[in-house]
Amino acid sequence: QVQLVESGGGLVQAGGSLRLSCAASGRAFSNYAMGWFRQAPGKEREFVAAISRSGTRTYYADSVKGRFAISRDNAKNTVYLQMNSPKPEDTAVYYCAATPIYSGSYVDVSNIDKYWYWGQGTQVTVSS
């Protein structure tokens, strides 16, 4: 069992920056690939970014590539999402998630069904 708690959400102006954190507790954090997903009102939850167990490989949705950066600190059991130059369309509840399944495939790491554990989410609102 892994417990995930997100923090760092809030209101940010378009073009600014924001860093989300996700603290994990429970089983060995480094055994899990980690992902960030988001859900806007009236929309399905969608993939944002993912990172391998060691942190050497990262994956991004096209909509955030070049603006967002995912990283992890296994010594602190924490994964981060640095949001640079956010846009109003990035407004959503952001969730972090953990999966013990890691194949290296983008198809797998972006698949919501592959993730076993989820945080409660943190709201990010980007004003224009």
N, C-alpha and C. Protein backbone atom coordinates (compact mmCIF):
# COMPACT_ATOMS: atom_id res chain seq x y z
N GLN A 1 0.85 -1.19 0.00
CA GLN A 1 0.00 0.00 0.00
C GLN A 1 0.89 1.24 0.00
N VAL A 2 0.50 2.22 -0.81
CA VAL A 2 1.21 3.50 -0.89
C VAL A 2 0.20 4.61 -0.69
N GLN A 3 0.53 5.53 0.17
CA GLN A 3 -0.31 6.71 0.37
C GLN A 3 0.36 7.90 -0.30
N LEU A 4 -0.43 8.68 -1.04
CA LEU A 4 0.08 9.82 -1.79
C LEU A 4 -0.66 11.07 -1.38
N VAL A 5 0.10 12.14 -1.13
CA VAL A 5 -0.51 13.41 -0.75
C VAL A 5 0.10 14.52 -1.60
N GLU A 6 -0.76 15.16 -2.40
CA GLU A 6 -0.30 16.26 -3.25
C GLU A 6 -0.38 17.59 -2.49
N SER A 7 0.46 18.51 -2.90
CA SER A 7 0.43 19.86 -2.35
C SER A 7 1.00 20.82 -3.38
N GLY A 8 0.82 22.11 -3.14
CA GLY A 8 1.40 23.12 -4.00
C GLY A 8 0.46 23.74 -5.00
N GLY A 9 -0.77 23.25 -5.06
CA GLY A 9 -1.72 23.84 -5.99
C GLY A 9 -2.15 25.23 -5.54
N GLY A 10 -2.87 25.90 -6.42
CA GLY A 10 -3.35 27.24 -6.09
C GLY A 10 -3.65 28.02 -7.34
N LEU A 11 -3.69 29.33 -7.18
CA LEU A 11 -3.99 30.24 -8.28
C LEU A 11 -2.67 30.80 -8.81
N VAL A 12 -2.49 30.73 -10.12
CA VAL A 12 -1.29 31.25 -10.75
C VAL A 12 -1.68 31.99 -12.02
N GLN A 13 -0.94 33.03 -12.32
CA GLN A 13 -1.20 33.77 -13.56
C GLN A 13 -0.59 33.04 -14.75
N ALA A 14 -1.24 33.16 -15.88
CA ALA A 14 -0.68 32.60 -17.10
C ALA A 14 0.71 33.17 -17.32
N GLY A 15 1.64 32.29 -17.68
CA GLY A 15 3.01 32.70 -17.89
C GLY A 15 3.87 32.65 -16.65
N GLY A 16 3.26 32.39 -15.50
CA GLY A 16 4.01 32.31 -14.26
C GLY A 16 4.60 30.92 -14.07
N SER A 17 4.71 30.49 -12.82
CA SER A 17 5.20 29.15 -12.56
C SER A 17 4.63 28.64 -11.24
N LEU A 18 4.59 27.33 -11.13
CA LEU A 18 4.04 26.69 -9.94
C LEU A 18 4.69 25.32 -9.83
N ARG A 19 4.97 24.87 -8.62
CA ARG A 19 5.52 23.54 -8.44
C ARG A 19 4.62 22.71 -7.55
N LEU A 20 4.18 21.60 -8.08
CA LEU A 20 3.39 20.65 -7.30
C LEU A 20 4.32 19.60 -6.70
N SER A 21 3.96 19.15 -5.52
CA SER A 21 4.70 18.08 -4.85
C SER A 21 3.74 16.95 -4.52
N CYS A 22 4.28 15.76 -4.46
CA CYS A 22 3.50 14.59 -4.07
C CYS A 22 4.38 13.77 -3.14
N ALA A 23 3.98 13.70 -1.89
CA ALA A 23 4.73 12.94 -0.89
C ALA A 23 4.13 11.55 -0.74
N ALA A 24 5.00 10.56 -0.76
CA ALA A 24 4.55 9.17 -0.68
C ALA A 24 4.99 8.55 0.63
N SER A 25 4.15 7.69 1.14
CA SER A 25 4.50 6.91 2.33
C SER A 25 4.02 5.48 2.12
N GLY A 26 4.60 4.58 2.87
CA GLY A 26 4.23 3.18 2.71
C GLY A 26 5.38 2.39 2.13
N ARG A 27 5.08 1.55 1.17
CA ARG A 27 6.08 0.67 0.59
C ARG A 27 7.15 1.45 -0.15
N ALA A 28 8.28 0.85 -0.44
CA ALA A 28 9.45 1.49 -1.02
C ALA A 28 9.09 2.34 -2.23
N PHE A 29 9.29 3.64 -2.09
CA PHE A 29 8.92 4.59 -3.13
C PHE A 29 9.64 4.31 -4.43
N SER A 30 10.89 3.92 -4.34
CA SER A 30 11.69 3.71 -5.55
C SER A 30 11.25 2.50 -6.36
N ASN A 31 10.33 1.72 -5.84
CA ASN A 31 9.80 0.57 -6.59
C ASN A 31 8.69 0.97 -7.56
N TYR A 32 8.31 2.25 -7.51
CA TYR A 32 7.15 2.68 -8.28
C TYR A 32 7.51 3.73 -9.32
N ALA A 33 7.02 3.55 -10.52
CA ALA A 33 6.98 4.65 -11.47
C ALA A 33 5.86 5.58 -11.03
N MET A 34 6.06 6.86 -11.29
CA MET A 34 5.10 7.85 -10.82
C MET A 34 4.55 8.66 -11.98
N GLY A 35 3.31 9.06 -11.84
CA GLY A 35 2.68 9.86 -12.89
C GLY A 35 1.89 11.01 -12.31
N TRP A 36 1.70 12.02 -13.13
CA TRP A 36 0.79 13.11 -12.84
C TRP A 36 -0.33 13.08 -13.88
N PHE A 37 -1.55 13.21 -13.41
CA PHE A 37 -2.72 13.30 -14.26
C PHE A 37 -3.49 14.54 -13.85
N ARG A 38 -4.44 14.93 -14.69
CA ARG A 38 -5.28 16.08 -14.33
C ARG A 38 -6.69 15.86 -14.85
N GLN A 39 -7.61 16.54 -14.19
CA GLN A 39 -9.01 16.45 -14.60
C GLN A 39 -9.65 17.83 -14.50
N ALA A 40 -10.08 18.32 -15.63
CA ALA A 40 -10.79 19.60 -15.68
C ALA A 40 -12.29 19.34 -15.56
N PRO A 41 -13.06 20.35 -15.14
CA PRO A 41 -14.51 20.16 -14.99
C PRO A 41 -15.14 19.67 -16.27
N GLY A 42 -15.93 18.62 -16.16
CA GLY A 42 -16.63 18.09 -17.31
C GLY A 42 -15.80 17.27 -18.26
N LYS A 43 -14.54 17.04 -17.90
CA LYS A 43 -13.66 16.27 -18.78
C LYS A 43 -13.13 15.04 -18.07
N GLU A 44 -12.63 14.10 -18.86
CA GLU A 44 -12.05 12.91 -18.28
C GLU A 44 -10.64 13.21 -17.75
N ARG A 45 -10.22 12.38 -16.82
CA ARG A 45 -8.86 12.51 -16.29
C ARG A 45 -7.88 12.18 -17.41
N GLU A 46 -6.82 12.99 -17.53
CA GLU A 46 -5.87 12.79 -18.62
C GLU A 46 -4.44 12.78 -18.11
N PHE A 47 -3.60 12.12 -18.86
CA PHE A 47 -2.19 12.01 -18.54
C PHE A 47 -1.47 13.34 -18.74
N VAL A 48 -0.56 13.66 -17.82
CA VAL A 48 0.26 14.87 -17.93
C VAL A 48 1.73 14.50 -18.09
N ALA A 49 2.25 13.72 -17.15
CA ALA A 49 3.67 13.39 -17.17
C ALA A 49 3.91 12.15 -16.32
N ALA A 50 5.04 11.47 -16.59
CA ALA A 50 5.41 10.30 -15.80
C ALA A 50 6.93 10.23 -15.71
N ILE A 51 7.38 9.47 -14.72
CA ILE A 51 8.82 9.33 -14.51
C ILE A 51 9.12 7.91 -14.06
N SER A 52 10.23 7.38 -14.53
CA SER A 52 10.61 6.02 -14.20
C SER A 52 11.02 5.90 -12.74
N ARG A 53 11.22 4.69 -12.29
CA ARG A 53 11.54 4.44 -10.87
C ARG A 53 12.81 5.18 -10.44
N SER A 54 13.80 5.18 -11.29
CA SER A 54 15.07 5.82 -10.94
C SER A 54 15.09 7.30 -11.26
N GLY A 55 14.14 7.73 -12.08
CA GLY A 55 14.08 9.13 -12.48
C GLY A 55 14.85 9.43 -13.74
N THR A 56 15.41 8.41 -14.37
CA THR A 56 16.23 8.65 -15.55
C THR A 56 15.41 8.87 -16.82
N ARG A 57 14.17 8.41 -16.81
CA ARG A 57 13.33 8.59 -17.99
C ARG A 57 12.07 9.35 -17.62
N THR A 58 11.71 10.30 -18.46
CA THR A 58 10.50 11.08 -18.25
C THR A 58 9.65 11.06 -19.51
N TYR A 59 8.36 11.30 -19.32
CA TYR A 59 7.38 11.22 -20.39
C TYR A 59 6.40 12.37 -20.21
N TYR A 60 5.96 12.94 -21.34
CA TYR A 60 5.05 14.08 -21.26
C TYR A 60 3.96 13.99 -22.30
N ALA A 61 2.80 14.49 -21.93
CA ALA A 61 1.75 14.71 -22.91
C ALA A 61 2.19 15.85 -23.82
N ASP A 62 1.76 15.80 -25.07
CA ASP A 62 2.15 16.84 -26.02
C ASP A 62 1.71 18.23 -25.55
N SER A 63 0.60 18.29 -24.84
CA SER A 63 0.05 19.57 -24.43
C SER A 63 0.92 20.30 -23.41
N VAL A 64 1.82 19.58 -22.73
CA VAL A 64 2.64 20.21 -21.69
C VAL A 64 4.13 20.11 -21.99
N LYS A 65 4.48 19.39 -23.04
CA LYS A 65 5.89 19.19 -23.37
C LYS A 65 6.58 20.53 -23.58
N GLY A 66 7.73 20.69 -22.96
CA GLY A 66 8.48 21.93 -23.07
C GLY A 66 8.09 22.97 -22.05
N ARG A 67 6.98 22.76 -21.34
CA ARG A 67 6.54 23.73 -20.31
C ARG A 67 6.57 23.13 -18.91
N PHE A 68 6.24 21.86 -18.79
CA PHE A 68 6.21 21.19 -17.49
C PHE A 68 7.40 20.25 -17.37
N ALA A 69 7.83 20.02 -16.14
CA ALA A 69 8.93 19.09 -15.89
C ALA A 69 8.63 18.24 -14.67
N ILE A 70 8.74 16.93 -14.83
CA ILE A 70 8.53 16.02 -13.72
C ILE A 70 9.89 15.58 -13.20
N SER A 71 9.99 15.45 -11.89
CA SER A 71 11.22 14.98 -11.27
C SER A 71 10.86 14.23 -9.99
N ARG A 72 11.83 13.54 -9.44
CA ARG A 72 11.58 12.82 -8.20
C ARG A 72 12.83 12.83 -7.34
N ASP A 73 12.62 12.72 -6.05
CA ASP A 73 13.70 12.60 -5.09
C ASP A 73 13.39 11.36 -4.26
N ASN A 74 14.04 10.26 -4.57
CA ASN A 74 13.72 9.01 -3.90
C ASN A 74 14.14 9.04 -2.43
N ALA A 75 15.10 9.86 -2.09
CA ALA A 75 15.51 9.97 -0.69
C ALA A 75 14.44 10.67 0.15
N LYS A 76 13.64 11.51 -0.51
CA LYS A 76 12.57 12.23 0.18
C LYS A 76 11.20 11.65 -0.11
N ASN A 77 11.15 10.58 -0.89
CA ASN A 77 9.87 9.95 -1.23
C ASN A 77 8.89 10.96 -1.84
N THR A 78 9.40 11.77 -2.74
CA THR A 78 8.59 12.85 -3.29
C THR A 78 8.79 12.95 -4.81
N VAL A 79 7.69 13.21 -5.48
CA VAL A 79 7.72 13.51 -6.91
C VAL A 79 7.19 14.91 -7.12
N TYR A 80 7.74 15.61 -8.09
CA TYR A 80 7.39 17.01 -8.33
C TYR A 80 6.88 17.20 -9.75
N LEU A 81 6.10 18.24 -9.92
CA LEU A 81 5.71 18.69 -11.25
C LEU A 81 5.94 20.19 -11.29
N GLN A 82 6.96 20.60 -12.01
CA GLN A 82 7.23 22.02 -12.21
C GLN A 82 6.43 22.50 -13.40
N MET A 83 5.57 23.47 -13.16
CA MET A 83 4.71 24.00 -14.20
C MET A 83 5.21 25.38 -14.57
N ASN A 84 5.78 25.50 -15.74
CA ASN A 84 6.26 26.78 -16.25
C ASN A 84 5.35 27.26 -17.37
N SER A 85 5.18 28.55 -17.46
CA SER A 85 4.33 29.14 -18.50
C SER A 85 2.97 28.45 -18.59
N PRO A 86 2.29 28.29 -17.46
CA PRO A 86 0.98 27.64 -17.53
C PRO A 86 0.00 28.50 -18.32
N LYS A 87 -1.01 27.82 -18.86
CA LYS A 87 -2.04 28.47 -19.65
C LYS A 87 -3.39 28.25 -18.95
N PRO A 88 -4.37 29.08 -19.24
CA PRO A 88 -5.69 28.87 -18.64
C PRO A 88 -6.23 27.45 -18.87
N GLU A 89 -5.91 26.85 -19.99
CA GLU A 89 -6.39 25.49 -20.27
C GLU A 89 -5.70 24.43 -19.42
N ASP A 90 -4.69 24.80 -18.64
CA ASP A 90 -4.07 23.88 -17.70
C ASP A 90 -4.84 23.81 -16.37
N THR A 91 -5.86 24.64 -16.24
CA THR A 91 -6.67 24.63 -15.03
C THR A 91 -7.35 23.28 -14.85
N ALA A 92 -7.12 22.66 -13.69
CA ALA A 92 -7.65 21.33 -13.43
C ALA A 92 -7.27 20.91 -12.01
N VAL A 93 -7.83 19.81 -11.58
CA VAL A 93 -7.35 19.14 -10.38
C VAL A 93 -6.23 18.20 -10.82
N TYR A 94 -5.09 18.31 -10.17
CA TYR A 94 -3.93 17.51 -10.52
C TYR A 94 -3.75 16.39 -9.51
N TYR A 95 -3.57 15.18 -10.03
CA TYR A 95 -3.41 13.99 -9.20
C TYR A 95 -2.06 13.34 -9.46
N CYS A 96 -1.42 12.88 -8.41
CA CYS A 96 -0.26 12.03 -8.63
C CYS A 96 -0.68 10.58 -8.42
N ALA A 97 0.04 9.69 -9.05
CA ALA A 97 -0.31 8.28 -9.02
C ALA A 97 0.95 7.43 -9.08
N ALA A 98 0.84 6.22 -8.56
CA ALA A 98 1.99 5.31 -8.49
C ALA A 98 1.62 3.97 -9.10
N THR A 99 2.60 3.39 -9.78
CA THR A 99 2.41 2.07 -10.35
C THR A 99 3.68 1.25 -10.19
N PRO A 100 3.54 -0.04 -9.83
CA PRO A 100 4.71 -0.92 -9.77
C PRO A 100 5.05 -1.50 -11.14
N ILE A 101 4.18 -1.22 -12.11
CA ILE A 101 4.36 -1.75 -13.46
C ILE A 101 5.09 -0.72 -14.30
N TYR A 102 6.24 -1.09 -14.81
CA TYR A 102 6.98 -0.14 -15.65
C TYR A 102 7.67 -0.91 -16.77
N SER A 103 7.26 -0.60 -18.00
CA SER A 103 7.83 -1.27 -19.16
C SER A 103 8.73 -0.35 -19.98
N GLY A 104 8.68 0.93 -19.66
CA GLY A 104 9.42 1.90 -20.45
C GLY A 104 8.62 2.46 -21.60
N SER A 105 7.45 1.91 -21.80
CA SER A 105 6.62 2.32 -22.93
C SER A 105 5.77 3.54 -22.58
N TYR A 106 5.72 4.50 -23.48
CA TYR A 106 4.86 5.67 -23.27
C TYR A 106 3.41 5.23 -23.18
N VAL A 107 3.03 4.26 -23.98
CA VAL A 107 1.64 3.79 -23.95
C VAL A 107 1.27 3.31 -22.56
N ASP A 108 2.19 2.63 -21.90
CA ASP A 108 1.91 2.11 -20.56
C ASP A 108 1.90 3.22 -19.51
N VAL A 109 2.92 4.08 -19.52
CA VAL A 109 3.01 5.08 -18.44
C VAL A 109 1.92 6.13 -18.56
N SER A 110 1.33 6.28 -19.74
CA SER A 110 0.26 7.26 -19.91
C SER A 110 -1.13 6.66 -19.72
N ASN A 111 -1.17 5.38 -19.43
CA ASN A 111 -2.44 4.67 -19.28
C ASN A 111 -2.92 4.76 -17.83
N ILE A 112 -4.02 5.43 -17.64
CA ILE A 112 -4.55 5.63 -16.29
C ILE A 112 -4.82 4.31 -15.58
N ASP A 113 -5.17 3.28 -16.33
CA ASP A 113 -5.54 1.99 -15.74
C ASP A 113 -4.33 1.24 -15.19
N LYS A 114 -3.13 1.67 -15.54
CA LYS A 114 -1.92 0.99 -15.06
C LYS A 114 -1.54 1.42 -13.64
N TYR A 115 -2.16 2.49 -13.15
CA TYR A 115 -1.77 3.05 -11.86
C TYR A 115 -2.60 2.48 -10.73
N TRP A 116 -1.92 2.08 -9.67
CA TRP A 116 -2.59 1.40 -8.57
C TRP A 116 -3.01 2.35 -7.46
N TYR A 117 -2.21 3.38 -7.22
CA TYR A 117 -2.46 4.25 -6.06
C TYR A 117 -2.58 5.70 -6.53
N TRP A 118 -3.48 6.42 -5.88
CA TRP A 118 -3.78 7.80 -6.27
C TRP A 118 -3.82 8.70 -5.04
N GLY A 119 -3.41 9.95 -5.26
CA GLY A 119 -3.59 10.96 -4.24
C GLY A 119 -4.99 11.55 -4.33
N GLN A 120 -5.25 12.50 -3.46
CA GLN A 120 -6.59 13.11 -3.40
C GLN A 120 -6.75 14.27 -4.37
N GLY A 121 -5.64 14.74 -4.92
CA GLY A 121 -5.69 15.81 -5.91
C GLY A 121 -5.45 17.18 -5.30
N THR A 122 -4.94 18.08 -6.13
CA THR A 122 -4.74 19.47 -5.73
C THR A 122 -5.20 20.36 -6.88
N GLN A 123 -5.94 21.40 -6.54
CA GLN A 123 -6.52 22.27 -7.56
C GLN A 123 -5.48 23.27 -8.06
N VAL A 124 -5.39 23.39 -9.37
CA VAL A 124 -4.56 24.41 -10.01
C VAL A 124 -5.47 25.26 -10.89
N THR A 125 -5.45 26.55 -10.66
CA THR A 125 -6.24 27.48 -11.45
C THR A 125 -5.30 28.49 -12.08
N VAL A 126 -5.37 28.59 -13.40
CA VAL A 126 -4.50 29.51 -14.13
C VAL A 126 -5.36 30.65 -14.66
N SER A 127 -5.05 31.85 -14.24
CA SER A 127 -5.82 33.02 -14.67
C SER A 127 -5.15 33.66 -15.88
N SER A 128 -5.99 34.22 -16.73
CA SER A 128 -5.46 34.85 -17.95
C SER A 128 -5.13 36.31 -17.72
